[in-house]
Amino acid sequence: RSKGILLTGYLLMLLQARLRGHVTPITPSEPTRRGCQLSVILDRPVGRMFEALSLLGLVCDMRAPDVIRIAPCPLYNSFAEVLRVVELLEALYRLPDSDLEARIAKCKQDGSSLQL
């Protein structure tokens, strides 16, 4: 449980520091009130962001209309992987919506992975 608390706390801290204004955590910030997952509201269309994250190899969960759940598992995930998730989100937010849509469409058409 202790690594799970640290991983989730690290993810929360990174999201608040690096994606403030784009991502709003709705999971309680107190470790005793949450498990090893964070639910966050995105300020971009959640379906497109979920699809992009999936094409980048990230396994997460989508809850319409605007929530993504990210769950760093202490048995399988590292702190470096948590950082990578936030870096991927940052990269997606740097892309204009039209560019992101075009890249997703290309991946779906040719079966490739998403390139950032």
C-alpha atoms as a PDB file:
ATOM      1  CA  ARG A   1       0.000   0.000   0.000  1.00  0.00           C
ATOM      2  CA  SER A   2       2.818   2.423   0.750  1.00  0.00           C
ATOM      3  CA  LYS A   3       4.220   2.371  -2.813  1.00  0.00           C
ATOM      4  CA  GLY A   4       0.710   2.817  -4.198  1.00  0.00           C
ATOM      5  CA  ILE A   5       0.186   5.892  -2.026  1.00  0.00           C
ATOM      6  CA  LEU A   6       3.510   7.322  -3.183  1.00  0.00           C
ATOM      7  CA  LEU A   7       2.891   6.587  -6.881  1.00  0.00           C
ATOM      8  CA  THR A   8      -0.576   8.113  -6.833  1.00  0.00           C
ATOM      9  CA  GLY A   9       0.648  11.111  -4.825  1.00  0.00           C
ATOM     10  CA  TYR A  10       3.483  11.608  -7.315  1.00  0.00           C
ATOM     11  CA  LEU A  11       1.026  11.475 -10.220  1.00  0.00           C
ATOM     12  CA  LEU A  12      -1.253  13.994  -8.493  1.00  0.00           C
ATOM     13  CA  MET A  13       1.654  16.352  -7.786  1.00  0.00           C
ATOM     14  CA  LEU A  14       2.887  16.171 -11.397  1.00  0.00           C
ATOM     15  CA  LEU A  15      -0.567  16.760 -12.848  1.00  0.00           C
ATOM     16  CA  GLN A  16      -1.134  19.779 -10.621  1.00  0.00           C
ATOM     17  CA  ALA A  17       2.308  21.234 -11.311  1.00  0.00           C
ATOM     18  CA  ARG A  18       2.592  20.594 -15.031  1.00  0.00           C
ATOM     19  CA  LEU A  19      -0.959  20.478 -16.405  1.00  0.00           C
ATOM     20  CA  ARG A  20      -2.809  22.953 -14.192  1.00  0.00           C
ATOM     21  CA  GLY A  21      -5.639  24.507 -16.153  1.00  0.00           C
ATOM     22  CA  HIS A  22      -5.940  21.502 -18.474  1.00  0.00           C
ATOM     23  CA  VAL A  23      -6.418  18.656 -15.992  1.00  0.00           C
ATOM     24  CA  THR A  24      -8.529  18.859 -12.834  1.00  0.00           C
ATOM     25  CA  PRO A  25      -8.209  15.967 -10.357  1.00  0.00           C
ATOM     26  CA  ILE A  26     -11.531  14.943  -8.826  1.00  0.00           C
ATOM     27  CA  THR A  27     -10.260  12.028  -6.735  1.00  0.00           C
ATOM     28  CA  PRO A  28      -9.733  13.070  -3.098  1.00  0.00           C
ATOM     29  CA  SER A  29      -6.212  14.360  -2.507  1.00  0.00           C
ATOM     30  CA  GLU A  30      -5.991  12.686   0.908  1.00  0.00           C
ATOM     31  CA  PRO A  31      -4.308   9.261   0.529  1.00  0.00           C
ATOM     32  CA  THR A  32      -6.646   7.667   3.073  1.00  0.00           C
ATOM     33  CA  ARG A  33      -9.650   8.595   0.895  1.00  0.00           C
ATOM     34  CA  ARG A  34      -8.426   7.128  -2.393  1.00  0.00           C
ATOM     35  CA  GLY A  35      -7.025   3.937  -3.827  1.00  0.00           C
ATOM     36  CA  CYS A  36      -4.288   3.684  -6.437  1.00  0.00           C
ATOM     37  CA  GLN A  37      -6.110   5.636  -9.122  1.00  0.00           C
ATOM     38  CA  LEU A  38      -6.849   9.223  -9.987  1.00  0.00           C
ATOM     39  CA  SER A  39      -9.881  10.471 -11.858  1.00  0.00           C
ATOM     40  CA  VAL A  40      -9.209  13.699 -13.710  1.00  0.00           C
ATOM     41  CA  ILE A  41     -11.387  16.009 -15.773  1.00  0.00           C
ATOM     42  CA  LEU A  42      -9.805  17.037 -19.054  1.00  0.00           C
ATOM     43  CA  ASP A  43     -10.487  20.346 -20.778  1.00  0.00           C
ATOM     44  CA  ARG A  44     -10.224  18.707 -24.215  1.00  0.00           C
ATOM     45  CA  PRO A  45     -12.604  16.147 -25.733  1.00  0.00           C
ATOM     46  CA  VAL A  46     -12.125  13.073 -23.567  1.00  0.00           C
ATOM     47  CA  GLY A  47     -12.759  10.556 -26.368  1.00  0.00           C
ATOM     48  CA  ARG A  48      -9.990  11.977 -28.539  1.00  0.00           C
ATOM     49  CA  MET A  49      -7.538  12.177 -25.629  1.00  0.00           C
ATOM     50  CA  PHE A  50      -8.387   8.636 -24.505  1.00  0.00           C
ATOM     51  CA  GLU A  51      -7.871   7.333 -28.033  1.00  0.00           C
ATOM     52  CA  ALA A  52      -4.547   9.159 -28.327  1.00  0.00           C
ATOM     53  CA  LEU A  53      -3.329   7.829 -24.971  1.00  0.00           C
ATOM     54  CA  SER A  54      -4.339   4.303 -26.000  1.00  0.00           C
ATOM     55  CA  LEU A  55      -2.457   4.656 -29.300  1.00  0.00           C
ATOM     56  CA  LEU A  56       0.582   5.714 -27.258  1.00  0.00           C
ATOM     57  CA  GLY A  57       0.352   2.475 -25.263  1.00  0.00           C
ATOM     58  CA  LEU A  58      -1.124   3.900 -22.085  1.00  0.00           C
ATOM     59  CA  VAL A  59      -3.791   1.773 -20.447  1.00  0.00           C
ATOM     60  CA  CYS A  60      -6.332   3.988 -18.729  1.00  0.00           C
ATOM     61  CA  ASP A  61     -10.095   4.247 -18.403  1.00  0.00           C
ATOM     62  CA  MET A  62     -12.532   6.777 -19.811  1.00  0.00           C
ATOM     63  CA  ARG A  63     -15.707   7.990 -18.156  1.00  0.00           C
ATOM     64  CA  ALA A  64     -17.868  10.228 -20.339  1.00  0.00           C
ATOM     65  CA  PRO A  65     -18.352  13.083 -20.568  1.00  0.00           C
ATOM     66  CA  ASP A  66     -14.898  14.328 -19.539  1.00  0.00           C
ATOM     67  CA  VAL A  67     -13.037  12.021 -17.131  1.00  0.00           C
ATOM     68  CA  ILE A  68      -9.958   9.848 -17.556  1.00  0.00           C
ATOM     69  CA  ARG A  69      -8.931   7.476 -14.778  1.00  0.00           C
ATOM     70  CA  ILE A  70      -5.223   6.754 -14.432  1.00  0.00           C
ATOM     71  CA  ALA A  71      -4.204   3.962 -12.078  1.00  0.00           C
ATOM     72  CA  PRO A  72      -0.508   3.453 -11.377  1.00  0.00           C
ATOM     73  CA  CYS A  73      -0.303  -0.093 -10.021  1.00  0.00           C
ATOM     74  CA  PRO A  74       2.401  -0.487  -7.365  1.00  0.00           C
ATOM     75  CA  LEU A  75       3.118  -4.073  -8.422  1.00  0.00           C
ATOM     76  CA  TYR A  76       3.826  -3.177 -12.056  1.00  0.00           C
ATOM     77  CA  ASN A  77       4.480   0.549 -12.460  1.00  0.00           C
ATOM     78  CA  SER A  78       7.485   2.679 -11.617  1.00  0.00           C
ATOM     79  CA  PHE A  79       7.880   6.346 -10.788  1.00  0.00           C
ATOM     80  CA  ALA A  80       9.524   6.806 -14.196  1.00  0.00           C
ATOM     81  CA  GLU A  81       6.386   5.428 -15.871  1.00  0.00           C
ATOM     82  CA  VAL A  82       4.199   7.837 -13.908  1.00  0.00           C
ATOM     83  CA  LEU A  83       6.385  10.703 -15.114  1.00  0.00           C
ATOM     84  CA  ARG A  84       6.095   9.376 -18.673  1.00  0.00           C
ATOM     85  CA  VAL A  85       2.273   9.483 -18.476  1.00  0.00           C
ATOM     86  CA  VAL A  86       2.394  13.166 -17.576  1.00  0.00           C
ATOM     87  CA  GLU A  87       4.955  13.851 -20.320  1.00  0.00           C
ATOM     88  CA  LEU A  88       2.651  12.181 -22.850  1.00  0.00           C
ATOM     89  CA  LEU A  89      -0.288  14.285 -21.679  1.00  0.00           C
ATOM     90  CA  GLU A  90       1.861  17.414 -21.981  1.00  0.00           C
ATOM     91  CA  ALA A  91       2.836  16.445 -25.530  1.00  0.00           C
ATOM     92  CA  LEU A  92      -0.801  15.864 -26.476  1.00  0.00           C
ATOM     93  CA  TYR A  93      -1.774  19.255 -25.096  1.00  0.00           C
ATOM     94  CA  ARG A  94       0.922  20.927 -27.215  1.00  0.00           C
ATOM     95  CA  LEU A  95      -0.765  19.631 -30.397  1.00  0.00           C
ATOM     96  CA  PRO A  96      -3.605  21.625 -31.943  1.00  0.00           C
ATOM     97  CA  ASP A  97      -6.899  19.682 -31.973  1.00  0.00           C
ATOM     98  CA  SER A  98      -6.852  19.376 -35.763  1.00  0.00           C
ATOM     99  CA  ASP A  99      -3.318  17.961 -35.779  1.00  0.00           C
ATOM    100  CA  LEU A 100      -4.174  15.449 -33.068  1.00  0.00           C
ATOM    101  CA  GLU A 101      -7.280  14.334 -34.975  1.00  0.00           C
ATOM    102  CA  ALA A 102      -5.258  13.893 -38.171  1.00  0.00           C
ATOM    103  CA  ARG A 103      -2.600  11.831 -36.392  1.00  0.00           C
ATOM    104  CA  ILE A 104      -5.223   9.602 -34.780  1.00  0.00           C
ATOM    105  CA  ALA A 105      -6.953   9.087 -38.142  1.00  0.00           C
ATOM    106  CA  LYS A 106      -3.623   8.124 -39.753  1.00  0.00           C
ATOM    107  CA  CYS A 107      -2.956   5.565 -37.017  1.00  0.00           C
ATOM    108  CA  LYS A 108      -6.398   4.054 -37.456  1.00  0.00           C
ATOM    109  CA  GLN A 109      -5.963   3.936 -41.213  1.00  0.00           C
ATOM    110  CA  ASP A 110      -2.546   2.311 -41.336  1.00  0.00           C
ATOM    111  CA  GLY A 111      -2.432   0.519 -37.969  1.00  0.00           C
ATOM    112  CA  SER A 112       0.599   2.459 -36.753  1.00  0.00           C
ATOM    113  CA  SER A 113       1.238   3.852 -33.303  1.00  0.00           C
ATOM    114  CA  LEU A 114       0.782   7.518 -32.555  1.00  0.00           C
ATOM    115  CA  GLN A 115       3.857   9.656 -33.162  1.00  0.00           C
ATOM    116  CA  LEU A 116       4.346  12.834 -31.140  1.00  0.00           C
END
